Amino acid sequence: AFIATAVVVFNKSFKAIFGEDLGPEALATHKVAVLVAVIAA
């Protein structure tokens, strides 16, 4: 969970995993979704 949170916080690593073509809103939505999924798991 710590590693997943660190990946979400840093934009370069997050974009490398989920794609470079995410807009600002999509990027924020994806980050929130990943954080919620990590916390729930």
Full PDB file with SEQRES, HELIX, SHEET, SSBOND, CRYST1, ORIGX, SCALE, CONECT and MASTER records, all heavy atoms in Angstrom:
SEQRES   1 A   41  ALA PHE ILE ALA THR ALA VAL VAL VAL PHE ASN LYS SER          
SEQRES   2 A   41  PHE LYS ALA ILE PHE GLY GLU ASP LEU GLY PRO GLU ALA          
SEQRES   3 A   41  LEU ALA THR HIS LYS VAL ALA VAL LEU VAL ALA VAL ILE          
SEQRES   4 A   41  ALA ALA                                                      
HELIX    1 AA1 PHE A    2  VAL A    9  1                                   8    
HELIX    2 AA2 ASN A   11  PHE A   18  1                                   8    
HELIX    3 AA3 PRO A   24  ALA A   40  1                                  17    
CRYST1    1.000    1.000    1.000  90.00  90.00  90.00 P 1           1          
ORIGX1      1.000000  0.000000  0.000000        0.00000                         
ORIGX2      0.000000  1.000000  0.000000        0.00000                         
ORIGX3      0.000000  0.000000  1.000000        0.00000                         
SCALE1      1.000000  0.000000  0.000000        0.00000                         
SCALE2      0.000000  1.000000  0.000000        0.00000                         
SCALE3      0.000000  0.000000  1.000000        0.00000                         
ATOM      1  N   ALA A   1       0.837  -1.203   0.000  1.00  0.00           N  
ATOM      2  CA  ALA A   1       0.000   0.000   0.000  1.00  0.00           C  
ATOM      3  C   ALA A   1       0.873   1.256   0.000  1.00  0.00           C  
ATOM      4  O   ALA A   1       0.560   2.240  -0.669  1.00  0.00           O  
ATOM      5  CB  ALA A   1      -0.930  -0.007   1.210  1.00  0.00           C  
ATOM      6  N   PHE A   2       1.967   1.202   0.732  1.00  0.00           N  
ATOM      7  CA  PHE A   2       2.901   2.335   0.743  1.00  0.00           C  
ATOM      8  C   PHE A   2       3.497   2.566  -0.649  1.00  0.00           C  
ATOM      9  O   PHE A   2       3.548   3.702  -1.136  1.00  0.00           O  
ATOM     10  CB  PHE A   2       4.021   2.080   1.762  1.00  0.00           C  
ATOM     11  CG  PHE A   2       5.141   3.062   1.670  1.00  0.00           C  
ATOM     12  CD1 PHE A   2       4.999   4.346   2.156  1.00  0.00           C  
ATOM     13  CD2 PHE A   2       6.342   2.708   1.075  1.00  0.00           C  
ATOM     14  CE1 PHE A   2       6.024   5.264   2.072  1.00  0.00           C  
ATOM     15  CE2 PHE A   2       7.372   3.612   0.975  1.00  0.00           C  
ATOM     16  CZ  PHE A   2       7.223   4.899   1.469  1.00  0.00           C  
ATOM     17  N   ILE A   3       3.920   1.491  -1.302  1.00  0.00           N  
ATOM     18  CA  ILE A   3       4.498   1.604  -2.647  1.00  0.00           C  
ATOM     19  C   ILE A   3       3.451   2.141  -3.625  1.00  0.00           C  
ATOM     20  O   ILE A   3       3.739   3.029  -4.440  1.00  0.00           O  
ATOM     21  CB  ILE A   3       5.035   0.235  -3.121  1.00  0.00           C  
ATOM     22  CG1 ILE A   3       6.182  -0.233  -2.232  1.00  0.00           C  
ATOM     23  CG2 ILE A   3       5.459   0.270  -4.580  1.00  0.00           C  
ATOM     24  CD1 ILE A   3       7.404   0.652  -2.262  1.00  0.00           C  
ATOM     25  N   ALA A   4       2.223   1.613  -3.552  1.00  0.00           N  
ATOM     26  CA  ALA A   4       1.164   2.070  -4.464  1.00  0.00           C  
ATOM     27  C   ALA A   4       0.859   3.545  -4.240  1.00  0.00           C  
ATOM     28  O   ALA A   4       0.640   4.299  -5.201  1.00  0.00           O  
ATOM     29  CB  ALA A   4      -0.094   1.231  -4.268  1.00  0.00           C  
ATOM     30  N   THR A   5       0.865   3.987  -2.996  1.00  0.00           N  
ATOM     31  CA  THR A   5       0.617   5.403  -2.701  1.00  0.00           C  
ATOM     32  C   THR A   5       1.741   6.265  -3.247  1.00  0.00           C  
ATOM     33  O   THR A   5       1.496   7.350  -3.795  1.00  0.00           O  
ATOM     34  CB  THR A   5       0.459   5.608  -1.184  1.00  0.00           C  
ATOM     35  OG1 THR A   5      -0.583   4.755  -0.715  1.00  0.00           O  
ATOM     36  CG2 THR A   5       0.134   7.044  -0.850  1.00  0.00           C  
ATOM     37  N   ALA A   6       2.979   5.798  -3.110  1.00  0.00           N  
ATOM     38  CA  ALA A   6       4.117   6.556  -3.648  1.00  0.00           C  
ATOM     39  C   ALA A   6       4.025   6.670  -5.160  1.00  0.00           C  
ATOM     40  O   ALA A   6       4.324   7.731  -5.736  1.00  0.00           O  
ATOM     41  CB  ALA A   6       5.430   5.883  -3.237  1.00  0.00           C  
ATOM     42  N   VAL A   7       3.596   5.602  -5.830  1.00  0.00           N  
ATOM     43  CA  VAL A   7       3.446   5.643  -7.293  1.00  0.00           C  
ATOM     44  C   VAL A   7       2.379   6.655  -7.691  1.00  0.00           C  
ATOM     45  O   VAL A   7       2.534   7.406  -8.660  1.00  0.00           O  
ATOM     46  CB  VAL A   7       3.104   4.231  -7.840  1.00  0.00           C  
ATOM     47  CG1 VAL A   7       2.618   4.295  -9.273  1.00  0.00           C  
ATOM     48  CG2 VAL A   7       4.310   3.323  -7.727  1.00  0.00           C  
ATOM     49  N   VAL A   8       1.297   6.712  -6.925  1.00  0.00           N  
ATOM     50  CA  VAL A   8       0.213   7.639  -7.243  1.00  0.00           C  
ATOM     51  C   VAL A   8       0.657   9.092  -7.047  1.00  0.00           C  
ATOM     52  O   VAL A   8       0.299   9.974  -7.820  1.00  0.00           O  
ATOM     53  CB  VAL A   8      -1.032   7.324  -6.377  1.00  0.00           C  
ATOM     54  CG1 VAL A   8      -2.069   8.419  -6.483  1.00  0.00           C  
ATOM     55  CG2 VAL A   8      -1.626   5.989  -6.802  1.00  0.00           C  
ATOM     56  N   VAL A   9       1.453   9.333  -6.035  1.00  0.00           N  
ATOM     57  CA  VAL A   9       1.868  10.703  -5.721  1.00  0.00           C  
ATOM     58  C   VAL A   9       2.770  11.279  -6.809  1.00  0.00           C  
ATOM     59  O   VAL A   9       2.663  12.455  -7.148  1.00  0.00           O  
ATOM     60  CB  VAL A   9       2.574  10.746  -4.345  1.00  0.00           C  
ATOM     61  CG1 VAL A   9       3.252  12.075  -4.100  1.00  0.00           C  
ATOM     62  CG2 VAL A   9       1.573  10.442  -3.253  1.00  0.00           C  
ATOM     63  N   PHE A  10       3.636  10.463  -7.351  1.00  0.00           N  
ATOM     64  CA  PHE A  10       4.578  10.971  -8.353  1.00  0.00           C  
ATOM     65  C   PHE A  10       3.985  10.799  -9.748  1.00  0.00           C  
ATOM     66  O   PHE A  10       3.739   9.691 -10.211  1.00  0.00           O  
ATOM     67  CB  PHE A  10       5.926  10.254  -8.231  1.00  0.00           C  
ATOM     68  CG  PHE A  10       6.577  10.486  -6.902  1.00  0.00           C  
ATOM     69  CD1 PHE A  10       6.599   9.484  -5.942  1.00  0.00           C  
ATOM     70  CD2 PHE A  10       7.126  11.726  -6.592  1.00  0.00           C  
ATOM     71  CE1 PHE A  10       7.180   9.695  -4.709  1.00  0.00           C  
ATOM     72  CE2 PHE A  10       7.704  11.950  -5.355  1.00  0.00           C  
ATOM     73  CZ  PHE A  10       7.737  10.946  -4.404  1.00  0.00           C  
ATOM     74  N   ASN A  11       3.775  11.938 -10.443  1.00  0.00           N  
ATOM     75  CA  ASN A  11       3.106  11.938 -11.745  1.00  0.00           C  
ATOM     76  C   ASN A  11       3.845  11.116 -12.793  1.00  0.00           C  
ATOM     77  O   ASN A  11       3.209  10.440 -13.594  1.00  0.00           O  
ATOM     78  CB  ASN A  11       2.935  13.373 -12.254  1.00  0.00           C  
ATOM     79  CG  ASN A  11       1.726  14.041 -11.641  1.00  0.00           C  
ATOM     80  OD1 ASN A  11       0.802  13.369 -11.195  1.00  0.00           O  
ATOM     81  ND2 ASN A  11       1.740  15.361 -11.622  1.00  0.00           N  
ATOM     82  N   LYS A  12       5.179  11.181 -12.819  1.00  0.00           N  
ATOM     83  CA  LYS A  12       5.932  10.472 -13.861  1.00  0.00           C  
ATOM     84  C   LYS A  12       5.700   8.967 -13.760  1.00  0.00           C  
ATOM     85  O   LYS A  12       5.454   8.308 -14.766  1.00  0.00           O  
ATOM     86  CB  LYS A  12       7.428  10.784 -13.752  1.00  0.00           C  
ATOM     87  CG  LYS A  12       7.807  12.129 -14.296  1.00  0.00           C  
ATOM     88  CD  LYS A  12       9.306  12.290 -14.307  1.00  0.00           C  
ATOM     89  CE  LYS A  12       9.681  13.642 -14.886  1.00  0.00           C  
ATOM     90  NZ  LYS A  12      11.112  13.822 -14.958  1.00  0.00           N  
ATOM     91  N   SER A  13       5.778   8.423 -12.564  1.00  0.00           N  
ATOM     92  CA  SER A  13       5.588   6.975 -12.426  1.00  0.00           C  
ATOM     93  C   SER A  13       4.129   6.589 -12.701  1.00  0.00           C  
ATOM     94  O   SER A  13       3.863   5.565 -13.323  1.00  0.00           O  
ATOM     95  CB  SER A  13       6.004   6.507 -11.029  1.00  0.00           C  
ATOM     96  OG  SER A  13       5.235   7.172 -10.051  1.00  0.00           O  
ATOM     97  N   PHE A  14       3.195   7.427 -12.291  1.00  0.00           N  
ATOM     98  CA  PHE A  14       1.782   7.130 -12.527  1.00  0.00           C  
ATOM     99  C   PHE A  14       1.471   7.152 -14.022  1.00  0.00           C  
ATOM    100  O   PHE A  14       0.789   6.272 -14.534  1.00  0.00           O  
ATOM    101  CB  PHE A  14       0.907   8.135 -11.772  1.00  0.00           C  
ATOM    102  CG  PHE A  14      -0.542   7.734 -11.726  1.00  0.00           C  
ATOM    103  CD1 PHE A  14      -0.980   6.842 -10.768  1.00  0.00           C  
ATOM    104  CD2 PHE A  14      -1.449   8.236 -12.637  1.00  0.00           C  
ATOM    105  CE1 PHE A  14      -2.308   6.454 -10.722  1.00  0.00           C  
ATOM    106  CE2 PHE A  14      -2.773   7.860 -12.601  1.00  0.00           C  
ATOM    107  CZ  PHE A  14      -3.208   6.960 -11.635  1.00  0.00           C  
ATOM    108  N   LYS A  15       1.994   8.175 -14.730  1.00  0.00           N  
ATOM    109  CA  LYS A  15       1.756   8.274 -16.174  1.00  0.00           C  
ATOM    110  C   LYS A  15       2.451   7.146 -16.925  1.00  0.00           C  
ATOM    111  O   LYS A  15       1.942   6.670 -17.933  1.00  0.00           O  
ATOM    112  CB  LYS A  15       2.230   9.627 -16.694  1.00  0.00           C  
ATOM    113  CG  LYS A  15       1.295  10.756 -16.327  1.00  0.00           C  
ATOM    114  CD  LYS A  15       1.774  12.074 -16.911  1.00  0.00           C  
ATOM    115  CE  LYS A  15       0.799  13.183 -16.571  1.00  0.00           C  
ATOM    116  NZ  LYS A  15       1.220  14.468 -17.138  1.00  0.00           N  
ATOM    117  N   ALA A  16       3.589   6.688 -16.405  1.00  0.00           N  
ATOM    118  CA  ALA A  16       4.284   5.578 -17.064  1.00  0.00           C  
ATOM    119  C   ALA A  16       3.460   4.298 -16.976  1.00  0.00           C  
ATOM    120  O   ALA A  16       3.472   3.482 -17.897  1.00  0.00           O  
ATOM    121  CB  ALA A  16       5.657   5.371 -16.428  1.00  0.00           C  
ATOM    122  N   ILE A  17       2.734   4.133 -15.893  1.00  0.00           N  
ATOM    123  CA  ILE A  17       1.929   2.921 -15.712  1.00  0.00           C  
ATOM    124  C   ILE A  17       0.590   3.040 -16.424  1.00  0.00           C  
ATOM    125  O   ILE A  17       0.151   2.106 -17.101  1.00  0.00           O  
ATOM    126  CB  ILE A  17       1.719   2.637 -14.209  1.00  0.00           C  
ATOM    127  CG1 ILE A  17       3.054   2.300 -13.554  1.00  0.00           C  
ATOM    128  CG2 ILE A  17       0.722   1.510 -13.990  1.00  0.00           C  
ATOM    129  CD1 ILE A  17       3.019   2.233 -12.044  1.00  0.00           C  
ATOM    130  N   PHE A  18      -0.091   4.170 -16.278  1.00  0.00           N  
ATOM    131  CA  PHE A  18      -1.461   4.312 -16.785  1.00  0.00           C  
ATOM    132  C   PHE A  18      -1.570   5.065 -18.103  1.00  0.00           C  
ATOM    133  O   PHE A  18      -2.668   5.269 -18.610  1.00  0.00           O  
ATOM    134  CB  PHE A  18      -2.336   4.986 -15.724  1.00  0.00           C  
ATOM    135  CG  PHE A  18      -2.555   4.109 -14.516  1.00  0.00           C  
ATOM    136  CD1 PHE A  18      -1.811   4.278 -13.372  1.00  0.00           C  
ATOM    137  CD2 PHE A  18      -3.501   3.101 -14.559  1.00  0.00           C  
ATOM    138  CE1 PHE A  18      -1.996   3.463 -12.271  1.00  0.00           C  
ATOM    139  CE2 PHE A  18      -3.691   2.278 -13.462  1.00  0.00           C  
ATOM    140  CZ  PHE A  18      -2.948   2.456 -12.319  1.00  0.00           C  
ATOM    141  N   GLY A  19      -0.470   5.519 -18.661  1.00  0.00           N  
ATOM    142  CA  GLY A  19      -0.489   6.170 -19.972  1.00  0.00           C  
ATOM    143  C   GLY A  19      -0.183   7.649 -19.883  1.00  0.00           C  
ATOM    144  O   GLY A  19      -0.542   8.322 -18.919  1.00  0.00           O  
ATOM    145  N   GLU A  20       0.479   8.128 -20.927  1.00  0.00           N  
ATOM    146  CA  GLU A  20       0.912   9.526 -20.983  1.00  0.00           C  
ATOM    147  C   GLU A  20      -0.195  10.458 -21.457  1.00  0.00           C  
ATOM    148  O   GLU A  20      -0.127  11.655 -21.235  1.00  0.00           O  
ATOM    149  CB  GLU A  20       2.116   9.658 -21.938  1.00  0.00           C  
ATOM    150  CG  GLU A  20       3.370   8.966 -21.487  1.00  0.00           C  
ATOM    151  CD  GLU A  20       4.082   9.718 -20.382  1.00  0.00           C  
ATOM    152  OE1 GLU A  20       3.893  10.939 -20.241  1.00  0.00           O  
ATOM    153  OE2 GLU A  20       4.837   9.062 -19.640  1.00  0.00           O  
ATOM    154  N   ASP A  21      -1.225   9.933 -22.094  1.00  0.00           N  
ATOM    155  CA  ASP A  21      -2.223  10.788 -22.731  1.00  0.00           C  
ATOM    156  C   ASP A  21      -3.394  11.147 -21.823  1.00  0.00           C  
ATOM    157  O   ASP A  21      -4.433  11.582 -22.309  1.00  0.00           O  
ATOM    158  CB  ASP A  21      -2.718  10.123 -24.018  1.00  0.00           C  
ATOM    159  CG  ASP A  21      -3.291   8.750 -23.761  1.00  0.00           C  
ATOM    160  OD1 ASP A  21      -3.022   8.179 -22.683  1.00  0.00           O  
ATOM    161  OD2 ASP A  21      -4.011   8.235 -24.631  1.00  0.00           O  
ATOM    162  N   LEU A  22      -3.249  11.009 -20.516  1.00  0.00           N  
ATOM    163  CA  LEU A  22      -4.326  11.366 -19.596  1.00  0.00           C  
ATOM    164  C   LEU A  22      -4.365  12.881 -19.403  1.00  0.00           C  
ATOM    165  O   LEU A  22      -3.338  13.525 -19.181  1.00  0.00           O  
ATOM    166  CB  LEU A  22      -4.122  10.707 -18.233  1.00  0.00           C  
ATOM    167  CG  LEU A  22      -4.241   9.184 -18.192  1.00  0.00           C  
ATOM    168  CD1 LEU A  22      -3.871   8.679 -16.809  1.00  0.00           C  
ATOM    169  CD2 LEU A  22      -5.648   8.756 -18.548  1.00  0.00           C  
ATOM    170  N   GLY A  23      -5.556  13.443 -19.498  1.00  0.00           N  
ATOM    171  CA  GLY A  23      -5.716  14.866 -19.231  1.00  0.00           C  
ATOM    172  C   GLY A  23      -5.719  15.113 -17.722  1.00  0.00           C  
ATOM    173  O   GLY A  23      -5.701  14.169 -16.919  1.00  0.00           O  
ATOM    174  N   PRO A  24      -5.742  16.377 -17.290  1.00  0.00           N  
ATOM    175  CA  PRO A  24      -5.688  16.678 -15.867  1.00  0.00           C  
ATOM    176  C   PRO A  24      -6.852  16.081 -15.067  1.00  0.00           C  
ATOM    177  O   PRO A  24      -6.661  15.562 -13.974  1.00  0.00           O  
ATOM    178  CB  PRO A  24      -5.715  18.201 -15.802  1.00  0.00           C  
ATOM    179  CG  PRO A  24      -5.590  18.706 -17.186  1.00  0.00           C  
ATOM    180  CD  PRO A  24      -5.759  17.562 -18.110  1.00  0.00           C  
ATOM    181  N   GLU A  25      -8.052  16.125 -15.640  1.00  0.00           N  
ATOM    182  CA  GLU A  25      -9.206  15.571 -14.926  1.00  0.00           C  
ATOM    183  C   GLU A  25      -9.147  14.042 -14.866  1.00  0.00           C  
ATOM    184  O   GLU A  25      -9.404  13.440 -13.831  1.00  0.00           O  
ATOM    185  CB  GLU A  25     -10.511  16.012 -15.591  1.00  0.00           C  
ATOM    186  CG  GLU A  25     -10.887  17.432 -15.286  1.00  0.00           C  
ATOM    187  CD  GLU A  25     -12.258  17.775 -15.868  1.00  0.00           C  
ATOM    188  OE1 GLU A  25     -13.100  16.870 -15.991  1.00  0.00           O  
ATOM    189  OE2 GLU A  25     -12.452  18.952 -16.196  1.00  0.00           O  
ATOM    190  N   ALA A  26      -8.794  13.430 -15.977  1.00  0.00           N  
ATOM    191  CA  ALA A  26      -8.681  11.969 -16.019  1.00  0.00           C  
ATOM    192  C   ALA A  26      -7.559  11.497 -15.095  1.00  0.00           C  
ATOM    193  O   ALA A  26      -7.696  10.478 -14.403  1.00  0.00           O  
ATOM    194  CB  ALA A  26      -8.438  11.482 -17.440  1.00  0.00           C  
ATOM    195  N   LEU A  27      -6.472  12.236 -15.062  1.00  0.00           N  
ATOM    196  CA  LEU A  27      -5.349  11.885 -14.187  1.00  0.00           C  
ATOM    197  C   LEU A  27      -5.781  11.928 -12.726  1.00  0.00           C  
ATOM    198  O   LEU A  27      -5.511  10.995 -11.954  1.00  0.00           O  
ATOM    199  CB  LEU A  27      -4.183  12.846 -14.426  1.00  0.00           C  
ATOM    200  CG  LEU A  27      -2.927  12.595 -13.605  1.00  0.00           C  
ATOM    201  CD1 LEU A  27      -2.300  11.269 -13.989  1.00  0.00           C  
ATOM    202  CD2 LEU A  27      -1.924  13.730 -13.797  1.00  0.00           C  
ATOM    203  N   ALA A  28      -6.488  12.977 -12.332  1.00  0.00           N  
ATOM    204  CA  ALA A  28      -6.960  13.100 -10.944  1.00  0.00           C  
ATOM    205  C   ALA A  28      -7.960  11.995 -10.611  1.00  0.00           C  
ATOM    206  O   ALA A  28      -7.893  11.390  -9.536  1.00  0.00           O  
ATOM    207  CB  ALA A  28      -7.590  14.478 -10.733  1.00  0.00           C  
ATOM    208  N   THR A  29      -8.873  11.706 -11.545  1.00  0.00           N  
ATOM    209  CA  THR A  29      -9.866  10.655 -11.317  1.00  0.00           C  
ATOM    210  C   THR A  29      -9.197   9.296 -11.169  1.00  0.00           C  
ATOM    211  O   THR A  29      -9.533   8.519 -10.274  1.00  0.00           O  
ATOM    212  CB  THR A  29     -10.876  10.618 -12.485  1.00  0.00           C  
ATOM    213  OG1 THR A  29     -11.465  11.908 -12.626  1.00  0.00           O  
ATOM    214  CG2 THR A  29     -11.937   9.575 -12.254  1.00  0.00           C  
ATOM    215  N   HIS A  30      -8.242   8.992 -12.019  1.00  0.00           N  
ATOM    216  CA  HIS A  30      -7.532   7.716 -11.946  1.00  0.00           C  
ATOM    217  C   HIS A  30      -6.744   7.599 -10.639  1.00  0.00           C  
ATOM    218  O   HIS A  30      -6.690   6.526 -10.028  1.00  0.00           O  
ATOM    219  CB  HIS A  30      -6.595   7.559 -13.144  1.00  0.00           C  
ATOM    220  CG  HIS A  30      -7.291   7.155 -14.398  1.00  0.00           C  
ATOM    221  ND1 HIS A  30      -8.069   8.022 -15.127  1.00  0.00           N  
ATOM    222  CD2 HIS A  30      -7.330   5.970 -15.051  1.00  0.00           C  
ATOM    223  CE1 HIS A  30      -8.556   7.399 -16.187  1.00  0.00           C  
ATOM    224  NE2 HIS A  30      -8.124   6.143 -16.163  1.00  0.00           N  
ATOM    225  N   LYS A  31      -6.119   8.707 -10.230  1.00  0.00           N  
ATOM    226  CA  LYS A  31      -5.355   8.682  -8.976  1.00  0.00           C  
ATOM    227  C   LYS A  31      -6.261   8.400  -7.779  1.00  0.00           C  
ATOM    228  O   LYS A  31      -5.929   7.592  -6.918  1.00  0.00           O  
ATOM    229  CB  LYS A  31      -4.604  10.012  -8.772  1.00  0.00           C  
ATOM    230  CG  LYS A  31      -3.370  10.139  -9.591  1.00  0.00           C  
ATOM    231  CD  LYS A  31      -2.625  11.404  -9.206  1.00  0.00           C  
ATOM    232  CE  LYS A  31      -1.304  11.466  -9.922  1.00  0.00           C  
ATOM    233  NZ  LYS A  31      -0.474  12.566  -9.428  1.00  0.00           N  
ATOM    234  N   VAL A  32      -7.402   9.067  -7.735  1.00  0.00           N  
ATOM    235  CA  VAL A  32      -8.344   8.848  -6.636  1.00  0.00           C  
ATOM    236  C   VAL A  32      -8.840   7.402  -6.651  1.00  0.00           C  
ATOM    237  O   VAL A  32      -8.915   6.743  -5.603  1.00  0.00           O  
ATOM    238  CB  VAL A  32      -9.523   9.846  -6.712  1.00  0.00           C  
ATOM    239  CG1 VAL A  32     -10.635   9.459  -5.762  1.00  0.00           C  
ATOM    240  CG2 VAL A  32      -9.036  11.253  -6.412  1.00  0.00           C  
ATOM    241  N   ALA A  33      -9.153   6.897  -7.833  1.00  0.00           N  
ATOM    242  CA  ALA A  33      -9.641   5.516  -7.940  1.00  0.00           C  
ATOM    243  C   ALA A  33      -8.585   4.525  -7.449  1.00  0.00           C  
ATOM    244  O   ALA A  33      -8.902   3.568  -6.731  1.00  0.00           O  
ATOM    245  CB  ALA A  33     -10.041   5.212  -9.379  1.00  0.00           C  
ATOM    246  N   VAL A  34      -7.339   4.739  -7.839  1.00  0.00           N  
ATOM    247  CA  VAL A  34      -6.265   3.832  -7.408  1.00  0.00           C  
ATOM    248  C   VAL A  34      -6.072   3.926  -5.894  1.00  0.00           C  
ATOM    249  O   VAL A  34      -5.930   2.902  -5.211  1.00  0.00           O  
ATOM    250  CB  VAL A  34      -4.953   4.135  -8.170  1.00  0.00           C  
ATOM    251  CG1 VAL A  34      -3.768   3.410  -7.540  1.00  0.00           C  
ATOM    252  CG2 VAL A  34      -5.088   3.747  -9.627  1.00  0.00           C  
ATOM    253  N   LEU A  35      -6.069   5.130  -5.355  1.00  0.00           N  
ATOM    254  CA  LEU A  35      -5.902   5.284  -3.899  1.00  0.00           C  
ATOM    255  C   LEU A  35      -7.040   4.625  -3.127  1.00  0.00           C  
ATOM    256  O   LEU A  35      -6.810   3.942  -2.127  1.00  0.00           O  
ATOM    257  CB  LEU A  35      -5.793   6.758  -3.525  1.00  0.00           C  
ATOM    258  CG  LEU A  35      -4.434   7.396  -3.729  1.00  0.00           C  
ATOM    259  CD1 LEU A  35      -4.488   8.882  -3.390  1.00  0.00           C  
ATOM    260  CD2 LEU A  35      -3.381   6.714  -2.872  1.00  0.00           C  
ATOM    261  N   VAL A  36      -8.274   4.817  -3.587  1.00  0.00           N  
ATOM    262  CA  VAL A  36      -9.416   4.198  -2.911  1.00  0.00           C  
ATOM    263  C   VAL A  36      -9.305   2.668  -2.987  1.00  0.00           C  
ATOM    264  O   VAL A  36      -9.547   1.966  -2.004  1.00  0.00           O  
ATOM    265  CB  VAL A  36     -10.745   4.700  -3.512  1.00  0.00           C  
ATOM    266  CG1 VAL A  36     -11.918   3.857  -3.054  1.00  0.00           C  
ATOM    267  CG2 VAL A  36     -10.963   6.158  -3.137  1.00  0.00           C  
ATOM    268  N   ALA A  37      -8.917   2.146  -4.149  1.00  0.00           N  
ATOM    269  CA  ALA A  37      -8.770   0.694  -4.302  1.00  0.00           C  
ATOM    270  C   ALA A  37      -7.671   0.154  -3.389  1.00  0.00           C  
ATOM    271  O   ALA A  37      -7.826  -0.903  -2.764  1.00  0.00           O  
ATOM    272  CB  ALA A  37      -8.478   0.350  -5.755  1.00  0.00           C  
ATOM    273  N   VAL A  38      -6.570   0.871  -3.280  1.00  0.00           N  
ATOM    274  CA  VAL A  38      -5.460   0.433  -2.415  1.00  0.00           C  
ATOM    275  C   VAL A  38      -5.895   0.452  -0.958  1.00  0.00           C  
ATOM    276  O   VAL A  38      -5.644  -0.501  -0.202  1.00  0.00           O  
ATOM    277  CB  VAL A  38      -4.215   1.332  -2.641  1.00  0.00           C  
ATOM    278  CG1 VAL A  38      -3.186   1.131  -1.549  1.00  0.00           C  
ATOM    279  CG2 VAL A  38      -3.613   1.053  -4.002  1.00  0.00           C  
ATOM    280  N   ILE A  39      -6.566   1.510  -0.546  1.00  0.00           N  
ATOM    281  CA  ILE A  39      -7.025   1.605   0.847  1.00  0.00           C  
ATOM    282  C   ILE A  39      -8.047   0.510   1.141  1.00  0.00           C  
ATOM    283  O   ILE A  39      -7.993  -0.144   2.181  1.00  0.00           O  
ATOM    284  CB  ILE A  39      -7.604   3.008   1.124  1.00  0.00           C  
ATOM    285  CG1 ILE A  39      -6.489   4.045   1.113  1.00  0.00           C  
ATOM    286  CG2 ILE A  39      -8.343   3.033   2.456  1.00  0.00           C  
ATOM    287  CD1 ILE A  39      -6.974   5.477   1.110  1.00  0.00           C  
ATOM    288  N   ALA A  40      -8.975   0.272   0.226  1.00  0.00           N  
ATOM    289  CA  ALA A  40      -9.985  -0.765   0.427  1.00  0.00           C  
ATOM    290  C   ALA A  40      -9.345  -2.149   0.503  1.00  0.00           C  
ATOM    291  O   ALA A  40      -9.708  -2.968   1.350  1.00  0.00           O  
ATOM    292  CB  ALA A  40     -11.023  -0.717  -0.693  1.00  0.00           C  
ATOM    293  N   ALA A  41      -8.386  -2.413  -0.368  1.00  0.00           N  
ATOM    294  CA  ALA A  41      -7.718  -3.723  -0.345  1.00  0.00           C  
ATOM    295  C   ALA A  41      -6.947  -3.909   0.959  1.00  0.00           C  
ATOM    296  O   ALA A  41      -7.012  -4.975   1.585  1.00  0.00           O  
ATOM    297  CB  ALA A  41      -6.783  -3.847  -1.543  1.00  0.00           C  
TER     298      ALA A  41                                                      
MASTER        0    0    0    3    0    0    0    6  297    1    0    4          
END                                                                             
